[in-house]
Amino acid sequence: MSNYYVVTTTEKKIIGYGSISTLESTLQAFNFIRIHRSYLVAKNKIGTIATNSIIVSTYELPIGRNYRKNIENIAKLS
């Protein structure tokens, strides 16, 4: 979606304009983590961590190669 992003909450979807990198910088203070070039997730919403994906609520999201270390660090802390 180029410079648009979609934020999915339990209640609604919000479409915003800007880069996901800028959104990531803003949301890091709120305990969000980048798991893929296209996905940020709230750490406290991560359910299961598998080899190549994580489960957040009813969604299975891919883990990008470049972000695997971030996920491994979360798994060690859990």
PDB file of N, CA and C in Angstrom:
ATOM      1  N   MET A   1       0.823  -1.206   0.000  1.00  0.00           N
ATOM      2  CA  MET A   1       0.000   0.000   0.000  1.00  0.00           C
ATOM      3  C   MET A   1       0.860   1.261   0.000  1.00  0.00           C
ATOM      4  N   SER A   2       2.076   1.178  -0.457  1.00  0.00           N
ATOM      5  CA  SER A   2       2.972   2.319  -0.570  1.00  0.00           C
ATOM      6  C   SER A   2       3.170   3.006   0.774  1.00  0.00           C
ATOM      7  N   ASN A   3       2.725   4.231   0.921  1.00  0.00           N
ATOM      8  CA  ASN A   3       2.923   4.959   2.172  1.00  0.00           C
ATOM      9  C   ASN A   3       1.703   4.931   3.082  1.00  0.00           C
ATOM     10  N   TYR A   4       0.886   3.942   2.942  1.00  0.00           N
ATOM     11  CA  TYR A   4      -0.260   3.763   3.819  1.00  0.00           C
ATOM     12  C   TYR A   4      -0.038   2.537   4.687  1.00  0.00           C
ATOM     13  N   TYR A   5      -0.616   2.545   5.853  1.00  0.00           N
ATOM     14  CA  TYR A   5      -0.548   1.379   6.731  1.00  0.00           C
ATOM     15  C   TYR A   5      -1.928   1.133   7.316  1.00  0.00           C
ATOM     16  N   VAL A   6      -2.145  -0.104   7.758  1.00  0.00           N
ATOM     17  CA  VAL A   6      -3.410  -0.476   8.378  1.00  0.00           C
ATOM     18  C   VAL A   6      -3.111  -0.932   9.799  1.00  0.00           C
ATOM     19  N   VAL A   7      -3.798  -0.356  10.755  1.00  0.00           N
ATOM     20  CA  VAL A   7      -3.693  -0.757  12.155  1.00  0.00           C
ATOM     21  C   VAL A   7      -4.943  -1.559  12.469  1.00  0.00           C
ATOM     22  N   THR A   8      -4.759  -2.794  12.924  1.00  0.00           N
ATOM     23  CA  THR A   8      -5.887  -3.652  13.257  1.00  0.00           C
ATOM     24  C   THR A   8      -5.968  -3.776  14.772  1.00  0.00           C
ATOM     25  N   THR A   9      -7.102  -3.413  15.332  1.00  0.00           N
ATOM     26  CA  THR A   9      -7.334  -3.558  16.765  1.00  0.00           C
ATOM     27  C   THR A   9      -8.455  -4.583  16.954  1.00  0.00           C
ATOM     28  N   THR A  10      -8.790  -4.854  18.194  1.00  0.00           N
ATOM     29  CA  THR A  10      -9.878  -5.802  18.442  1.00  0.00           C
ATOM     30  C   THR A  10     -11.225  -5.232  18.019  1.00  0.00           C
ATOM     31  N   GLU A  11     -11.296  -3.927  17.872  1.00  0.00           N
ATOM     32  CA  GLU A  11     -12.575  -3.288  17.563  1.00  0.00           C
ATOM     33  C   GLU A  11     -12.714  -2.767  16.140  1.00  0.00           C
ATOM     34  N   LYS A  12     -11.580  -2.406  15.505  1.00  0.00           N
ATOM     35  CA  LYS A  12     -11.685  -1.810  14.174  1.00  0.00           C
ATOM     36  C   LYS A  12     -10.348  -1.815  13.453  1.00  0.00           C
ATOM     37  N   LYS A  13     -10.390  -1.406  12.189  1.00  0.00           N
ATOM     38  CA  LYS A  13      -9.188  -1.208  11.383  1.00  0.00           C
ATOM     39  C   LYS A  13      -9.062   0.275  11.083  1.00  0.00           C
ATOM     40  N   ILE A  14      -7.842   0.776  11.187  1.00  0.00           N
ATOM     41  CA  ILE A  14      -7.572   2.188  10.950  1.00  0.00           C
ATOM     42  C   ILE A  14      -6.536   2.283   9.839  1.00  0.00           C
ATOM     43  N   ILE A  15      -6.804   3.090   8.837  1.00  0.00           N
ATOM     44  CA  ILE A  15      -5.847   3.306   7.763  1.00  0.00           C
ATOM     45  C   ILE A  15      -5.173   4.646   8.007  1.00  0.00           C
ATOM     46  N   GLY A  16      -3.846   4.630   7.967  1.00  0.00           N
ATOM     47  CA  GLY A  16      -3.081   5.851   8.185  1.00  0.00           C
ATOM     48  C   GLY A  16      -2.116   6.078   7.040  1.00  0.00           C
ATOM     49  N   TYR A  17      -1.582   7.279   6.987  1.00  0.00           N
ATOM     50  CA  TYR A  17      -0.620   7.634   5.952  1.00  0.00           C
ATOM     51  C   TYR A  17       0.731   7.873   6.598  1.00  0.00           C
ATOM     52  N   GLY A  18       1.758   7.252   6.051  1.00  0.00           N
ATOM     53  CA  GLY A  18       3.115   7.412   6.551  1.00  0.00           C
ATOM     54  C   GLY A  18       3.859   6.102   6.391  1.00  0.00           C
ATOM     55  N   SER A  19       5.091   6.113   6.812  1.00  0.00           N
ATOM     56  CA  SER A  19       5.887   4.885   6.673  1.00  0.00           C
ATOM     57  C   SER A  19       5.751   4.012   7.913  1.00  0.00           C
ATOM     58  N   ILE A  20       5.914   2.727   7.718  1.00  0.00           N
ATOM     59  CA  ILE A  20       5.846   1.804   8.847  1.00  0.00           C
ATOM     60  C   ILE A  20       7.043   2.032   9.779  1.00  0.00           C
ATOM     61  N   SER A  21       8.157   2.516   9.241  1.00  0.00           N
ATOM     62  CA  SER A  21       9.327   2.821  10.074  1.00  0.00           C
ATOM     63  C   SER A  21       9.032   3.960  11.039  1.00  0.00           C
ATOM     64  N   THR A  22       8.333   4.960  10.574  1.00  0.00           N
ATOM     65  CA  THR A  22       7.947   6.075  11.449  1.00  0.00           C
ATOM     66  C   THR A  22       6.964   5.588  12.509  1.00  0.00           C
ATOM     67  N   LEU A  23       6.026   4.765  12.100  1.00  0.00           N
ATOM     68  CA  LEU A  23       5.062   4.199  13.037  1.00  0.00           C
ATOM     69  C   LEU A  23       5.788   3.345  14.071  1.00  0.00           C
ATOM     70  N   GLU A  24       6.763   2.563  13.624  1.00  0.00           N
ATOM     71  CA  GLU A  24       7.552   1.729  14.530  1.00  0.00           C
ATOM     72  C   GLU A  24       8.256   2.583  15.585  1.00  0.00           C
ATOM     73  N   SER A  25       8.866   3.679  15.173  1.00  0.00           N
ATOM     74  CA  SER A  25       9.550   4.568  16.119  1.00  0.00           C
ATOM     75  C   SER A  25       8.599   5.101  17.173  1.00  0.00           C
ATOM     76  N   THR A  26       7.410   5.433  16.760  1.00  0.00           N
ATOM     77  CA  THR A  26       6.407   5.954  17.686  1.00  0.00           C
ATOM     78  C   THR A  26       5.902   4.879  18.644  1.00  0.00           C
ATOM     79  N   LEU A  27       5.655   3.683  18.127  1.00  0.00           N
ATOM     80  CA  LEU A  27       5.037   2.627  18.928  1.00  0.00           C
ATOM     81  C   LEU A  27       6.009   1.838  19.807  1.00  0.00           C
ATOM     82  N   GLN A  28       7.317   1.978  19.587  1.00  0.00           N
ATOM     83  CA  GLN A  28       8.281   1.268  20.433  1.00  0.00           C
ATOM     84  C   GLN A  28       8.102   1.646  21.900  1.00  0.00           C
ATOM     85  N   ALA A  29       7.754   2.871  22.158  1.00  0.00           N
ATOM     86  CA  ALA A  29       7.531   3.330  23.536  1.00  0.00           C
ATOM     87  C   ALA A  29       6.321   2.642  24.165  1.00  0.00           C
ATOM     88  N   PHE A  30       5.454   2.084  23.330  1.00  0.00           N
ATOM     89  CA  PHE A  30       4.252   1.406  23.812  1.00  0.00           C
ATOM     90  C   PHE A  30       4.387  -0.114  23.723  1.00  0.00           C
ATOM     91  N   ASN A  31       5.628  -0.594  23.692  1.00  0.00           N
ATOM     92  CA  ASN A  31       5.928  -2.025  23.741  1.00  0.00           C
ATOM     93  C   ASN A  31       5.510  -2.781  22.480  1.00  0.00           C
ATOM     94  N   PHE A  32       5.675  -2.151  21.322  1.00  0.00           N
ATOM     95  CA  PHE A  32       5.443  -2.809  20.043  1.00  0.00           C
ATOM     96  C   PHE A  32       6.784  -3.245  19.476  1.00  0.00           C
ATOM     97  N   ILE A  33       6.764  -4.286  18.673  1.00  0.00           N
ATOM     98  CA  ILE A  33       7.976  -4.823  18.065  1.00  0.00           C
ATOM     99  C   ILE A  33       7.726  -5.123  16.600  1.00  0.00           C
ATOM    100  N   ARG A  34       8.740  -4.906  15.800  1.00  0.00           N
ATOM    101  CA  ARG A  34       8.645  -5.218  14.371  1.00  0.00           C
ATOM    102  C   ARG A  34       8.997  -6.688  14.182  1.00  0.00           C
ATOM    103  N   ILE A  35       8.143  -7.422  13.501  1.00  0.00           N
ATOM    104  CA  ILE A  35       8.377  -8.852  13.272  1.00  0.00           C
ATOM    105  C   ILE A  35       8.594  -9.182  11.799  1.00  0.00           C
ATOM    106  N   HIS A  36       8.326  -8.211  10.937  1.00  0.00           N
ATOM    107  CA  HIS A  36       8.375  -8.416   9.488  1.00  0.00           C
ATOM    108  C   HIS A  36       8.382  -7.027   8.869  1.00  0.00           C
ATOM    109  N   ARG A  37       8.820  -6.916   7.644  1.00  0.00           N
ATOM    110  CA  ARG A  37       8.848  -5.577   7.040  1.00  0.00           C
ATOM    111  C   ARG A  37       7.456  -4.959   6.938  1.00  0.00           C
ATOM    112  N   SER A  38       6.434  -5.799   7.043  1.00  0.00           N
ATOM    113  CA  SER A  38       5.058  -5.321   6.924  1.00  0.00           C
ATOM    114  C   SER A  38       4.263  -5.373   8.222  1.00  0.00           C
ATOM    115  N   TYR A  39       4.875  -5.836   9.324  1.00  0.00           N
ATOM    116  CA  TYR A  39       4.097  -6.047  10.543  1.00  0.00           C
ATOM    117  C   TYR A  39       4.799  -5.537  11.797  1.00  0.00           C
ATOM    118  N   LEU A  40       4.022  -4.838  12.611  1.00  0.00           N
ATOM    119  CA  LEU A  40       4.383  -4.481  13.983  1.00  0.00           C
ATOM    120  C   LEU A  40       3.326  -5.123  14.867  1.00  0.00           C
ATOM    121  N   VAL A  41       3.718  -5.614  16.037  1.00  0.00           N
ATOM    122  CA  VAL A  41       2.735  -6.180  16.958  1.00  0.00           C
ATOM    123  C   VAL A  41       3.030  -5.731  18.383  1.00  0.00           C
ATOM    124  N   ALA A  42       1.983  -5.688  19.181  1.00  0.00           N
ATOM    125  CA  ALA A  42       2.139  -5.406  20.612  1.00  0.00           C
ATOM    126  C   ALA A  42       2.702  -6.663  21.272  1.00  0.00           C
ATOM    127  N   LYS A  43       3.779  -6.513  22.010  1.00  0.00           N
ATOM    128  CA  LYS A  43       4.423  -7.671  22.630  1.00  0.00           C
ATOM    129  C   LYS A  43       3.467  -8.456  23.524  1.00  0.00           C
ATOM    130  N   ASN A  44       2.602  -7.752  24.240  1.00  0.00           N
ATOM    131  CA  ASN A  44       1.697  -8.438  25.168  1.00  0.00           C
ATOM    132  C   ASN A  44       0.551  -9.168  24.470  1.00  0.00           C
ATOM    133  N   LYS A  45       0.445  -9.013  23.164  1.00  0.00           N
ATOM    134  CA  LYS A  45      -0.614  -9.706  22.402  1.00  0.00           C
ATOM    135  C   LYS A  45      -0.095 -10.964  21.703  1.00  0.00           C
ATOM    136  N   ILE A  46       1.224 -11.201  21.759  1.00  0.00           N
ATOM    137  CA  ILE A  46       1.800 -12.369  21.111  1.00  0.00           C
ATOM    138  C   ILE A  46       1.412 -13.610  21.900  1.00  0.00           C
ATOM    139  N   GLY A  47       0.795 -14.556  21.215  1.00  0.00           N
ATOM    140  CA  GLY A  47       0.371 -15.792  21.855  1.00  0.00           C
ATOM    141  C   GLY A  47       1.424 -16.865  21.734  1.00  0.00           C
ATOM    142  N   THR A  48       1.592 -17.401  20.549  1.00  0.00           N
ATOM    143  CA  THR A  48       2.517 -18.490  20.293  1.00  0.00           C
ATOM    144  C   THR A  48       3.581 -18.030  19.316  1.00  0.00           C
ATOM    145  N   ILE A  49       4.821 -18.431  19.593  1.00  0.00           N
ATOM    146  CA  ILE A  49       5.921 -18.140  18.673  1.00  0.00           C
ATOM    147  C   ILE A  49       6.373 -19.463  18.062  1.00  0.00           C
ATOM    148  N   ALA A  50       6.237 -19.565  16.751  1.00  0.00           N
ATOM    149  CA  ALA A  50       6.675 -20.759  16.021  1.00  0.00           C
ATOM    150  C   ALA A  50       7.959 -20.416  15.267  1.00  0.00           C
ATOM    151  N   THR A  51       8.421 -21.340  14.462  1.00  0.00           N
ATOM    152  CA  THR A  51       9.671 -21.140  13.730  1.00  0.00           C
ATOM    153  C   THR A  51       9.593 -19.961  12.767  1.00  0.00           C
ATOM    154  N   ASN A  52       8.536 -19.895  11.984  1.00  0.00           N
ATOM    155  CA  ASN A  52       8.430 -18.864  10.952  1.00  0.00           C
ATOM    156  C   ASN A  52       7.246 -17.935  11.113  1.00  0.00           C
ATOM    157  N   SER A  53       6.525 -18.046  12.220  1.00  0.00           N
ATOM    158  CA  SER A  53       5.347 -17.209  12.401  1.00  0.00           C
ATOM    159  C   SER A  53       5.027 -17.046  13.882  1.00  0.00           C
ATOM    160  N   ILE A  54       4.174 -16.092  14.146  1.00  0.00           N
ATOM    161  CA  ILE A  54       3.654 -15.910  15.500  1.00  0.00           C
ATOM    162  C   ILE A  54       2.140 -15.848  15.413  1.00  0.00           C
ATOM    163  N   ILE A  55       1.499 -16.165  16.516  1.00  0.00           N
ATOM    164  CA  ILE A  55       0.040 -16.080  16.590  1.00  0.00           C
ATOM    165  C   ILE A  55      -0.312 -14.889  17.473  1.00  0.00           C
ATOM    166  N   VAL A  56      -1.131 -14.018  16.927  1.00  0.00           N
ATOM    167  CA  VAL A  56      -1.658 -12.868  17.657  1.00  0.00           C
ATOM    168  C   VAL A  56      -3.170 -12.941  17.506  1.00  0.00           C
ATOM    169  N   SER A  57      -3.843 -13.226  18.611  1.00  0.00           N
ATOM    170  CA  SER A  57      -5.288 -13.424  18.586  1.00  0.00           C
ATOM    171  C   SER A  57      -5.604 -14.575  17.627  1.00  0.00           C
ATOM    172  N   THR A  58      -6.336 -14.300  16.566  1.00  0.00           N
ATOM    173  CA  THR A  58      -6.671 -15.349  15.594  1.00  0.00           C
ATOM    174  C   THR A  58      -5.833 -15.232  14.324  1.00  0.00           C
ATOM    175  N   TYR A  59      -4.853 -14.339  14.325  1.00  0.00           N
ATOM    176  CA  TYR A  59      -4.022 -14.103  13.148  1.00  0.00           C
ATOM    177  C   TYR A  59      -2.686 -14.824  13.258  1.00  0.00           C
ATOM    178  N   GLU A  60      -2.274 -15.456  12.180  1.00  0.00           N
ATOM    179  CA  GLU A  60      -0.926 -16.017  12.095  1.00  0.00           C
ATOM    180  C   GLU A  60      -0.111 -15.076  11.208  1.00  0.00           C
ATOM    181  N   LEU A  61       0.933 -14.502  11.779  1.00  0.00           N
ATOM    182  CA  LEU A  61       1.737 -13.512  11.074  1.00  0.00           C
ATOM    183  C   LEU A  61       3.140 -14.052  10.827  1.00  0.00           C
ATOM    184  N   PRO A  62       3.700 -13.753   9.662  1.00  0.00           N
ATOM    185  CA  PRO A  62       5.038 -14.254   9.359  1.00  0.00           C
ATOM    186  C   PRO A  62       6.112 -13.497  10.137  1.00  0.00           C
ATOM    187  N   ILE A  63       7.205 -14.187  10.396  1.00  0.00           N
ATOM    188  CA  ILE A  63       8.382 -13.556  10.997  1.00  0.00           C
ATOM    189  C   ILE A  63       9.397 -13.383   9.873  1.00  0.00           C
ATOM    190  N   GLY A  64       9.821 -12.158   9.648  1.00  0.00           N
ATOM    191  CA  GLY A  64      10.810 -11.894   8.610  1.00  0.00           C
ATOM    192  C   GLY A  64      12.205 -12.304   9.055  1.00  0.00           C
ATOM    193  N   ARG A  65      13.014 -12.727   8.101  1.00  0.00           N
ATOM    194  CA  ARG A  65      14.396 -13.135   8.403  1.00  0.00           C
ATOM    195  C   ARG A  65      15.156 -12.081   9.178  1.00  0.00           C
ATOM    196  N   ASN A  66      15.000 -10.823   8.779  1.00  0.00           N
ATOM    197  CA  ASN A  66      15.740  -9.728   9.414  1.00  0.00           C
ATOM    198  C   ASN A  66      15.251  -9.404  10.817  1.00  0.00           C
ATOM    199  N   TYR A  67      14.110  -9.932  11.212  1.00  0.00           N
ATOM    200  CA  TYR A  67      13.518  -9.609  12.509  1.00  0.00           C
ATOM    201  C   TYR A  67      13.492 -10.798  13.462  1.00  0.00           C
ATOM    202  N   ARG A  68      14.022 -11.918  13.027  1.00  0.00           N
ATOM    203  CA  ARG A  68      14.001 -13.146  13.833  1.00  0.00           C
ATOM    204  C   ARG A  68      14.680 -12.958  15.190  1.00  0.00           C
ATOM    205  N   LYS A  69      15.812 -12.248  15.236  1.00  0.00           N
ATOM    206  CA  LYS A  69      16.524 -12.020  16.500  1.00  0.00           C
ATOM    207  C   LYS A  69      15.639 -11.293  17.506  1.00  0.00           C
ATOM    208  N   ASN A  70      14.835 -10.338  17.050  1.00  0.00           N
ATOM    209  CA  ASN A  70      13.908  -9.624  17.939  1.00  0.00           C
ATOM    210  C   ASN A  70      12.941 -10.600  18.599  1.00  0.00           C
ATOM    211  N   ILE A  71      12.427 -11.522  17.814  1.00  0.00           N
ATOM    212  CA  ILE A  71      11.467 -12.502  18.316  1.00  0.00           C
ATOM    213  C   ILE A  71      12.144 -13.492  19.256  1.00  0.00           C
ATOM    214  N   GLU A  72      13.357 -13.925  18.905  1.00  0.00           N
ATOM    215  CA  GLU A  72      14.096 -14.845  19.770  1.00  0.00           C
ATOM    216  C   GLU A  72      14.351 -14.219  21.134  1.00  0.00           C
ATOM    217  N   ASN A  73      14.651 -12.935  21.161  1.00  0.00           N
ATOM    218  CA  ASN A  73      14.873 -12.243  22.446  1.00  0.00           C
ATOM    219  C   ASN A  73      13.609 -12.194  23.282  1.00  0.00           C
ATOM    220  N   ILE A  74      12.465 -12.014  22.652  1.00  0.00           N
ATOM    221  CA  ILE A  74      11.191 -12.028  23.388  1.00  0.00           C
ATOM    222  C   ILE A  74      10.938 -13.415  23.957  1.00  0.00           C
ATOM    223  N   ALA A  75      11.190 -14.442  23.158  1.00  0.00           N
ATOM    224  CA  ALA A  75      10.958 -15.822  23.603  1.00  0.00           C
ATOM    225  C   ALA A  75      11.833 -16.154  24.807  1.00  0.00           C
ATOM    226  N   LYS A  76      13.043 -15.659  24.830  1.00  0.00           N
ATOM    227  CA  LYS A  76      13.947 -15.910  25.965  1.00  0.00           C
ATOM    228  C   LYS A  76      13.452 -15.230  27.232  1.00  0.00           C
ATOM    229  N   LEU A  77      12.806 -14.078  27.091  1.00  0.00           N
ATOM    230  CA  LEU A  77      12.309 -13.337  28.241  1.00  0.00           C
ATOM    231  C   LEU A  77      11.018 -13.900  28.799  1.00  0.00           C
ATOM    232  N   SER A  78      10.312 -14.671  27.984  1.00  0.00           N
ATOM    233  CA  SER A  78       9.007 -15.211  28.410  1.00  0.00           C
ATOM    234  C   SER A  78       9.162 -16.353  29.381  1.00  0.00           C
TER     235      SER A  78
END
